[in-house]
Amino acid sequence: MSTERLSYLPIEIRSYLPTGWGLVAGTEPRWDERKETWTAAVYDLADNEWTVRVTEAAAGKQGRLPALKQAIDEVFYRSLR
């Protein structure tokens, strides 16, 4: 387990969100030490809320930003179903 927590700046998150999506106001992205997972609440064009999850393992394997992009892509594709 790493001693540094996985985290992202709001601008990093927004840069990968689809057009019209954003971070849910009043919520803070957080790190779950037990699950070794970073989560953030986002909304889509219809104001549906989604949770983006990035595991420490994914960030270690792919890199911090590629893991964030993949997590956001997964949420986006799930929203299309």
PDB file of N, CA and C in Angstrom:
ATOM      1  N   MET A   1       0.832  -1.167   0.000  1.00  0.00           N
ATOM      2  CA  MET A   1       0.000   0.000   0.000  1.00  0.00           C
ATOM      3  C   MET A   1       0.886   1.242   0.000  1.00  0.00           C
ATOM      4  N   SER A   2       0.523   2.191  -0.831  1.00  0.00           N
ATOM      5  CA  SER A   2       1.289   3.431  -0.948  1.00  0.00           C
ATOM      6  C   SER A   2       0.990   4.361   0.225  1.00  0.00           C
ATOM      7  N   THR A   3       1.973   5.165   0.591  1.00  0.00           N
ATOM      8  CA  THR A   3       1.748   6.149   1.653  1.00  0.00           C
ATOM      9  C   THR A   3       1.128   7.418   1.087  1.00  0.00           C
ATOM     10  N   GLU A   4       1.215   7.618  -0.226  1.00  0.00           N
ATOM     11  CA  GLU A   4       0.610   8.778  -0.863  1.00  0.00           C
ATOM     12  C   GLU A   4      -0.777   8.411  -1.356  1.00  0.00           C
ATOM     13  N   ARG A   5      -1.733   9.284  -1.068  1.00  0.00           N
ATOM     14  CA  ARG A   5      -3.101   9.046  -1.515  1.00  0.00           C
ATOM     15  C   ARG A   5      -3.250   9.454  -2.971  1.00  0.00           C
ATOM     16  N   LEU A   6      -4.035   8.702  -3.695  1.00  0.00           N
ATOM     17  CA  LEU A   6      -4.356   9.040  -5.076  1.00  0.00           C
ATOM     18  C   LEU A   6      -5.316  10.221  -5.056  1.00  0.00           C
ATOM     19  N   SER A   7      -5.052  11.238  -5.844  1.00  0.00           N
ATOM     20  CA  SER A   7      -5.952  12.392  -5.897  1.00  0.00           C
ATOM     21  C   SER A   7      -5.838  13.064  -7.260  1.00  0.00           C
ATOM     22  N   TYR A   8      -6.858  13.836  -7.575  1.00  0.00           N
ATOM     23  CA  TYR A   8      -6.909  14.575  -8.834  1.00  0.00           C
ATOM     24  C   TYR A   8      -7.398  15.986  -8.560  1.00  0.00           C
ATOM     25  N   LEU A   9      -6.883  16.940  -9.307  1.00  0.00           N
ATOM     26  CA  LEU A   9      -7.365  18.311  -9.232  1.00  0.00           C
ATOM     27  C   LEU A   9      -8.683  18.410  -9.998  1.00  0.00           C
ATOM     28  N   PRO A  10      -9.574  19.322  -9.606  1.00  0.00           N
ATOM     29  CA  PRO A  10     -10.833  19.478 -10.338  1.00  0.00           C
ATOM     30  C   PRO A  10     -10.627  19.709 -11.835  1.00  0.00           C
ATOM     31  N   ILE A  11      -9.604  20.474 -12.208  1.00  0.00           N
ATOM     32  CA  ILE A  11      -9.366  20.727 -13.631  1.00  0.00           C
ATOM     33  C   ILE A  11      -8.959  19.449 -14.371  1.00  0.00           C
ATOM     34  N   GLU A  12      -8.250  18.553 -13.691  1.00  0.00           N
ATOM     35  CA  GLU A  12      -7.885  17.274 -14.312  1.00  0.00           C
ATOM     36  C   GLU A  12      -9.137  16.436 -14.558  1.00  0.00           C
ATOM     37  N   ILE A  13     -10.042  16.439 -13.601  1.00  0.00           N
ATOM     38  CA  ILE A  13     -11.280  15.667 -13.746  1.00  0.00           C
ATOM     39  C   ILE A  13     -12.114  16.248 -14.881  1.00  0.00           C
ATOM     40  N   ARG A  14     -12.330  17.559 -14.854  1.00  0.00           N
ATOM     41  CA  ARG A  14     -13.153  18.212 -15.880  1.00  0.00           C
ATOM     42  C   ARG A  14     -12.577  18.035 -17.283  1.00  0.00           C
ATOM     43  N   SER A  15     -11.267  17.943 -17.393  1.00  0.00           N
ATOM     44  CA  SER A  15     -10.656  17.829 -18.722  1.00  0.00           C
ATOM     45  C   SER A  15     -11.023  16.520 -19.414  1.00  0.00           C
ATOM     46  N   TYR A  16     -11.404  15.503 -18.660  1.00  0.00           N
ATOM     47  CA  TYR A  16     -11.782  14.220 -19.249  1.00  0.00           C
ATOM     48  C   TYR A  16     -13.284  13.999 -19.301  1.00  0.00           C
ATOM     49  N   LEU A  17     -14.072  14.857 -18.640  1.00  0.00           N
ATOM     50  CA  LEU A  17     -15.521  14.686 -18.665  1.00  0.00           C
ATOM     51  C   LEU A  17     -16.076  15.072 -20.029  1.00  0.00           C
ATOM     52  N   PRO A  18     -17.119  14.368 -20.490  1.00  0.00           N
ATOM     53  CA  PRO A  18     -17.756  14.754 -21.752  1.00  0.00           C
ATOM     54  C   PRO A  18     -18.348  16.162 -21.645  1.00  0.00           C
ATOM     55  N   THR A  19     -18.578  16.789 -22.782  1.00  0.00           N
ATOM     56  CA  THR A  19     -19.177  18.116 -22.819  1.00  0.00           C
ATOM     57  C   THR A  19     -20.524  18.096 -22.106  1.00  0.00           C
ATOM     58  N   GLY A  20     -20.746  19.076 -21.246  1.00  0.00           N
ATOM     59  CA  GLY A  20     -22.003  19.171 -20.514  1.00  0.00           C
ATOM     60  C   GLY A  20     -22.006  18.456 -19.178  1.00  0.00           C
ATOM     61  N   TRP A  21     -20.984  17.667 -18.910  1.00  0.00           N
ATOM     62  CA  TRP A  21     -20.868  16.971 -17.629  1.00  0.00           C
ATOM     63  C   TRP A  21     -20.073  17.843 -16.671  1.00  0.00           C
ATOM     64  N   GLY A  22     -20.228  17.581 -15.372  1.00  0.00           N
ATOM     65  CA  GLY A  22     -19.472  18.343 -14.387  1.00  0.00           C
ATOM     66  C   GLY A  22     -19.402  17.634 -13.054  1.00  0.00           C
ATOM     67  N   LEU A  23     -18.681  18.247 -12.134  1.00  0.00           N
ATOM     68  CA  LEU A  23     -18.584  17.730 -10.771  1.00  0.00           C
ATOM     69  C   LEU A  23     -19.818  18.163  -9.993  1.00  0.00           C
ATOM     70  N   VAL A  24     -20.366  17.268  -9.195  1.00  0.00           N
ATOM     71  CA  VAL A  24     -21.545  17.588  -8.393  1.00  0.00           C
ATOM     72  C   VAL A  24     -21.151  18.613  -7.333  1.00  0.00           C
ATOM     73  N   ALA A  25     -21.880  19.726  -7.305  1.00  0.00           N
ATOM     74  CA  ALA A  25     -21.603  20.793  -6.334  1.00  0.00           C
ATOM     75  C   ALA A  25     -21.856  20.289  -4.916  1.00  0.00           C
ATOM     76  N   GLY A  26     -21.019  20.719  -4.005  1.00  0.00           N
ATOM     77  CA  GLY A  26     -21.186  20.352  -2.607  1.00  0.00           C
ATOM     78  C   GLY A  26     -20.608  19.000  -2.235  1.00  0.00           C
ATOM     79  N   THR A  27     -19.985  18.335  -3.197  1.00  0.00           N
ATOM     80  CA  THR A  27     -19.336  17.054  -2.898  1.00  0.00           C
ATOM     81  C   THR A  27     -17.848  17.190  -3.158  1.00  0.00           C
ATOM     82  N   GLU A  28     -17.089  16.458  -2.439  1.00  0.00           N
ATOM     83  CA  GLU A  28     -15.639  16.452  -2.601  1.00  0.00           C
ATOM     84  C   GLU A  28     -15.195  15.065  -3.049  1.00  0.00           C
ATOM     85  N   PRO A  29     -14.354  14.985  -4.060  1.00  0.00           N
ATOM     86  CA  PRO A  29     -13.765  13.681  -4.379  1.00  0.00           C
ATOM     87  C   PRO A  29     -13.043  13.160  -3.141  1.00  0.00           C
ATOM     88  N   ARG A  30     -13.070  11.851  -2.943  1.00  0.00           N
ATOM     89  CA  ARG A  30     -12.450  11.330  -1.721  1.00  0.00           C
ATOM     90  C   ARG A  30     -11.692  10.040  -1.982  1.00  0.00           C
ATOM     91  N   TRP A  31     -10.789   9.761  -1.077  1.00  0.00           N
ATOM     92  CA  TRP A  31      -9.957   8.570  -1.106  1.00  0.00           C
ATOM     93  C   TRP A  31     -10.451   7.627  -0.025  1.00  0.00           C
ATOM     94  N   ASP A  32     -10.749   6.379  -0.396  1.00  0.00           N
ATOM     95  CA  ASP A  32     -11.150   5.354   0.569  1.00  0.00           C
ATOM     96  C   ASP A  32      -9.935   4.477   0.832  1.00  0.00           C
ATOM     97  N   GLU A  33      -9.329   4.657   1.978  1.00  0.00           N
ATOM     98  CA  GLU A  33      -8.095   3.943   2.327  1.00  0.00           C
ATOM     99  C   GLU A  33      -8.307   2.432   2.350  1.00  0.00           C
ATOM    100  N   ARG A  34      -9.452   2.009   2.867  1.00  0.00           N
ATOM    101  CA  ARG A  34      -9.724   0.576   2.996  1.00  0.00           C
ATOM    102  C   ARG A  34      -9.849  -0.098   1.618  1.00  0.00           C
ATOM    103  N   LYS A  35     -10.566   0.552   0.705  1.00  0.00           N
ATOM    104  CA  LYS A  35     -10.766  -0.014  -0.635  1.00  0.00           C
ATOM    105  C   LYS A  35      -9.666   0.384  -1.613  1.00  0.00           C
ATOM    106  N   GLU A  36      -8.792   1.287  -1.186  1.00  0.00           N
ATOM    107  CA  GLU A  36      -7.739   1.825  -2.051  1.00  0.00           C
ATOM    108  C   GLU A  36      -8.326   2.340  -3.366  1.00  0.00           C
ATOM    109  N   THR A  37      -9.386   3.141  -3.217  1.00  0.00           N
ATOM    110  CA  THR A  37     -10.122   3.660  -4.364  1.00  0.00           C
ATOM    111  C   THR A  37     -10.419   5.141  -4.174  1.00  0.00           C
ATOM    112  N   TRP A  38     -10.234   5.908  -5.238  1.00  0.00           N
ATOM    113  CA  TRP A  38     -10.586   7.316  -5.266  1.00  0.00           C
ATOM    114  C   TRP A  38     -11.941   7.422  -5.953  1.00  0.00           C
ATOM    115  N   THR A  39     -12.869   8.213  -5.411  1.00  0.00           N
ATOM    116  CA  THR A  39     -14.189   8.376  -6.019  1.00  0.00           C
ATOM    117  C   THR A  39     -14.550   9.849  -6.123  1.00  0.00           C
ATOM    118  N   ALA A  40     -15.345  10.153  -7.141  1.00  0.00           N
ATOM    119  CA  ALA A  40     -15.872  11.504  -7.324  1.00  0.00           C
ATOM    120  C   ALA A  40     -17.279  11.397  -7.893  1.00  0.00           C
ATOM    121  N   ALA A  41     -18.152  12.307  -7.475  1.00  0.00           N
ATOM    122  CA  ALA A  41     -19.517  12.359  -7.994  1.00  0.00           C
ATOM    123  C   ALA A  41     -19.557  13.340  -9.161  1.00  0.00           C
ATOM    124  N   VAL A  42     -20.119  12.888 -10.282  1.00  0.00           N
ATOM    125  CA  VAL A  42     -20.258  13.731 -11.466  1.00  0.00           C
ATOM    126  C   VAL A  42     -21.712  13.674 -11.940  1.00  0.00           C
ATOM    127  N   TYR A  43     -22.101  14.653 -12.762  1.00  0.00           N
ATOM    128  CA  TYR A  43     -23.449  14.649 -13.331  1.00  0.00           C
ATOM    129  C   TYR A  43     -23.352  14.728 -14.849  1.00  0.00           C
ATOM    130  N   ASP A  44     -24.421  14.236 -15.513  1.00  0.00           N
ATOM    131  CA  ASP A  44     -24.459  14.276 -16.971  1.00  0.00           C
ATOM    132  C   ASP A  44     -25.407  15.389 -17.437  1.00  0.00           C
ATOM    133  N   LEU A  45     -25.681  15.435 -18.741  1.00  0.00           N
ATOM    134  CA  LEU A  45     -26.527  16.484 -19.310  1.00  0.00           C
ATOM    135  C   LEU A  45     -27.945  16.478 -18.749  1.00  0.00           C
ATOM    136  N   ALA A  46     -28.428  15.314 -18.323  1.00  0.00           N
ATOM    137  CA  ALA A  46     -29.779  15.197 -17.769  1.00  0.00           C
ATOM    138  C   ALA A  46     -29.779  15.324 -16.248  1.00  0.00           C
ATOM    139  N   ASP A  47     -28.671  15.753 -15.677  1.00  0.00           N
ATOM    140  CA  ASP A  47     -28.496  15.902 -14.224  1.00  0.00           C
ATOM    141  C   ASP A  47     -28.570  14.589 -13.458  1.00  0.00           C
ATOM    142  N   ASN A  48     -28.318  13.478 -14.138  1.00  0.00           N
ATOM    143  CA  ASN A  48     -28.167  12.198 -13.441  1.00  0.00           C
ATOM    144  C   ASN A  48     -26.797  12.197 -12.786  1.00  0.00           C
ATOM    145  N   GLU A  49     -26.721  11.648 -11.581  1.00  0.00           N
ATOM    146  CA  GLU A  49     -25.437  11.580 -10.885  1.00  0.00           C
ATOM    147  C   GLU A  49     -24.791  10.220 -11.091  1.00  0.00           C
ATOM    148  N   TRP A  50     -23.474  10.249 -11.277  1.00  0.00           N
ATOM    149  CA  TRP A  50     -22.677   9.045 -11.495  1.00  0.00           C
ATOM    150  C   TRP A  50     -21.460   9.103 -10.583  1.00  0.00           C
ATOM    151  N   THR A  51     -20.926   7.940 -10.267  1.00  0.00           N
ATOM    152  CA  THR A  51     -19.717   7.882  -9.449  1.00  0.00           C
ATOM    153  C   THR A  51     -18.561   7.383 -10.299  1.00  0.00           C
ATOM    154  N   VAL A  52     -17.499   8.165 -10.337  1.00  0.00           N
ATOM    155  CA  VAL A  52     -16.268   7.776 -11.023  1.00  0.00           C
ATOM    156  C   VAL A  52     -15.354   7.152  -9.977  1.00  0.00           C
ATOM    157  N   ARG A  53     -14.819   5.960 -10.280  1.00  0.00           N
ATOM    158  CA  ARG A  53     -13.932   5.259  -9.347  1.00  0.00           C
ATOM    159  C   ARG A  53     -12.611   4.923 -10.030  1.00  0.00           C
ATOM    160  N   VAL A  54     -11.520   5.269  -9.358  1.00  0.00           N
ATOM    161  CA  VAL A  54     -10.184   4.918  -9.839  1.00  0.00           C
ATOM    162  C   VAL A  54      -9.487   4.158  -8.718  1.00  0.00           C
ATOM    163  N   THR A  55      -9.057   2.944  -9.008  1.00  0.00           N
ATOM    164  CA  THR A  55      -8.343   2.170  -7.992  1.00  0.00           C
ATOM    165  C   THR A  55      -6.861   2.516  -8.034  1.00  0.00           C
ATOM    166  N   GLU A  56      -6.227   2.321  -6.900  1.00  0.00           N
ATOM    167  CA  GLU A  56      -4.787   2.559  -6.823  1.00  0.00           C
ATOM    168  C   GLU A  56      -4.044   1.609  -7.761  1.00  0.00           C
ATOM    169  N   ALA A  57      -4.555   0.384  -7.894  1.00  0.00           N
ATOM    170  CA  ALA A  57      -3.920  -0.596  -8.778  1.00  0.00           C
ATOM    171  C   ALA A  57      -3.968  -0.129 -10.233  1.00  0.00           C
ATOM    172  N   ALA A  58      -5.123   0.403 -10.664  1.00  0.00           N
ATOM    173  CA  ALA A  58      -5.249   0.893 -12.041  1.00  0.00           C
ATOM    174  C   ALA A  58      -4.317   2.073 -12.283  1.00  0.00           C
ATOM    175  N   ALA A  59      -4.244   2.981 -11.321  1.00  0.00           N
ATOM    176  CA  ALA A  59      -3.362   4.146 -11.464  1.00  0.00           C
ATOM    177  C   ALA A  59      -1.904   3.723 -11.492  1.00  0.00           C
ATOM    178  N   GLY A  60      -1.554   2.702 -10.713  1.00  0.00           N
ATOM    179  CA  GLY A  60      -0.179   2.210 -10.702  1.00  0.00           C
ATOM    180  C   GLY A  60       0.196   1.508 -11.990  1.00  0.00           C
ATOM    181  N   LYS A  61      -0.766   0.805 -12.570  1.00  0.00           N
ATOM    182  CA  LYS A  61      -0.505   0.039 -13.792  1.00  0.00           C
ATOM    183  C   LYS A  61      -0.516   0.931 -15.041  1.00  0.00           C
ATOM    184  N   GLN A  62      -1.531   1.805 -15.141  1.00  0.00           N
ATOM    185  CA  GLN A  62      -1.720   2.607 -16.351  1.00  0.00           C
ATOM    186  C   GLN A  62      -1.108   3.996 -16.253  1.00  0.00           C
ATOM    187  N   GLY A  63      -0.989   4.488 -15.050  1.00  0.00           N
ATOM    188  CA  GLY A  63      -0.616   5.883 -14.835  1.00  0.00           C
ATOM    189  C   GLY A  63      -1.826   6.622 -14.288  1.00  0.00           C
ATOM    190  N   ARG A  64      -1.571   7.681 -13.555  1.00  0.00           N
ATOM    191  CA  ARG A  64      -2.637   8.430 -12.899  1.00  0.00           C
ATOM    192  C   ARG A  64      -3.709   8.931 -13.866  1.00  0.00           C
ATOM    193  N   LEU A  65      -3.310   9.697 -14.868  1.00  0.00           N
ATOM    194  CA  LEU A  65      -4.285  10.305 -15.770  1.00  0.00           C
ATOM    195  C   LEU A  65      -4.935   9.304 -16.722  1.00  0.00           C
ATOM    196  N   PRO A  66      -4.195   8.341 -17.291  1.00  0.00           N
ATOM    197  CA  PRO A  66      -4.873   7.334 -18.114  1.00  0.00           C
ATOM    198  C   PRO A  66      -5.916   6.530 -17.323  1.00  0.00           C
ATOM    199  N   ALA A  67      -5.651   6.266 -16.051  1.00  0.00           N
ATOM    200  CA  ALA A  67      -6.622   5.541 -15.217  1.00  0.00           C
ATOM    201  C   ALA A  67      -7.873   6.390 -14.994  1.00  0.00           C
ATOM    202  N   LEU A  68      -7.698   7.696 -14.806  1.00  0.00           N
ATOM    203  CA  LEU A  68      -8.846   8.592 -14.661  1.00  0.00           C
ATOM    204  C   LEU A  68      -9.656   8.621 -15.948  1.00  0.00           C
ATOM    205  N   LYS A  69      -8.986   8.739 -17.078  1.00  0.00           N
ATOM    206  CA  LYS A  69      -9.680   8.764 -18.369  1.00  0.00           C
ATOM    207  C   LYS A  69     -10.477   7.484 -18.572  1.00  0.00           C
ATOM    208  N   GLN A  70      -9.884   6.342 -18.283  1.00  0.00           N
ATOM    209  CA  GLN A  70     -10.587   5.074 -18.455  1.00  0.00           C
ATOM    210  C   GLN A  70     -11.809   4.997 -17.540  1.00  0.00           C
ATOM    211  N   ALA A  71     -11.667   5.435 -16.296  1.00  0.00           N
ATOM    212  CA  ALA A  71     -12.790   5.401 -15.352  1.00  0.00           C
ATOM    213  C   ALA A  71     -13.934   6.295 -15.828  1.00  0.00           C
ATOM    214  N   ILE A  72     -13.610   7.477 -16.337  1.00  0.00           N
ATOM    215  CA  ILE A  72     -14.640   8.384 -16.842  1.00  0.00           C
ATOM    216  C   ILE A  72     -15.272   7.813 -18.103  1.00  0.00           C
ATOM    217  N   ASP A  73     -14.478   7.235 -18.990  1.00  0.00           N
ATOM    218  CA  ASP A  73     -15.024   6.599 -20.193  1.00  0.00           C
ATOM    219  C   ASP A  73     -16.000   5.487 -19.825  1.00  0.00           C
ATOM    220  N   GLU A  74     -15.667   4.678 -18.822  1.00  0.00           N
ATOM    221  CA  GLU A  74     -16.550   3.592 -18.391  1.00  0.00           C
ATOM    222  C   GLU A  74     -17.884   4.139 -17.894  1.00  0.00           C
ATOM    223  N   VAL A  75     -17.845   5.223 -17.120  1.00  0.00           N
ATOM    224  CA  VAL A  75     -19.081   5.839 -16.630  1.00  0.00           C
ATOM    225  C   VAL A  75     -19.877   6.402 -17.800  1.00  0.00           C
ATOM    226  N   PHE A  76     -19.214   7.058 -18.731  1.00  0.00           N
ATOM    227  CA  PHE A  76     -19.895   7.625 -19.895  1.00  0.00           C
ATOM    228  C   PHE A  76     -20.592   6.534 -20.700  1.00  0.00           C
ATOM    229  N   TYR A  77     -19.899   5.442 -20.999  1.00  0.00           N
ATOM    230  CA  TYR A  77     -20.508   4.362 -21.779  1.00  0.00           C
ATOM    231  C   TYR A  77     -21.650   3.700 -21.016  1.00  0.00           C
ATOM    232  N   ARG A  78     -21.525   3.603 -19.700  1.00  0.00           N
ATOM    233  CA  ARG A  78     -22.609   3.055 -18.879  1.00  0.00           C
ATOM    234  C   ARG A  78     -23.832   3.972 -18.951  1.00  0.00           C
ATOM    235  N   SER A  79     -23.613   5.281 -19.040  1.00  0.00           N
ATOM    236  CA  SER A  79     -24.730   6.232 -19.086  1.00  0.00           C
ATOM    237  C   SER A  79     -25.508   6.136 -20.399  1.00  0.00           C
ATOM    238  N   LEU A  80     -24.902   5.573 -21.419  1.00  0.00           N
ATOM    239  CA  LEU A  80     -25.570   5.457 -22.719  1.00  0.00           C
ATOM    240  C   LEU A  80     -26.514   4.266 -22.802  1.00  0.00           C
ATOM    241  N   ARG A  81     -26.427   3.365 -21.853  1.00  0.00           N
ATOM    242  CA  ARG A  81     -27.279   2.159 -21.883  1.00  0.00           C
ATOM    243  C   ARG A  81     -28.687   2.460 -21.488  1.00  0.00           C
TER     244      ARG A  81
END
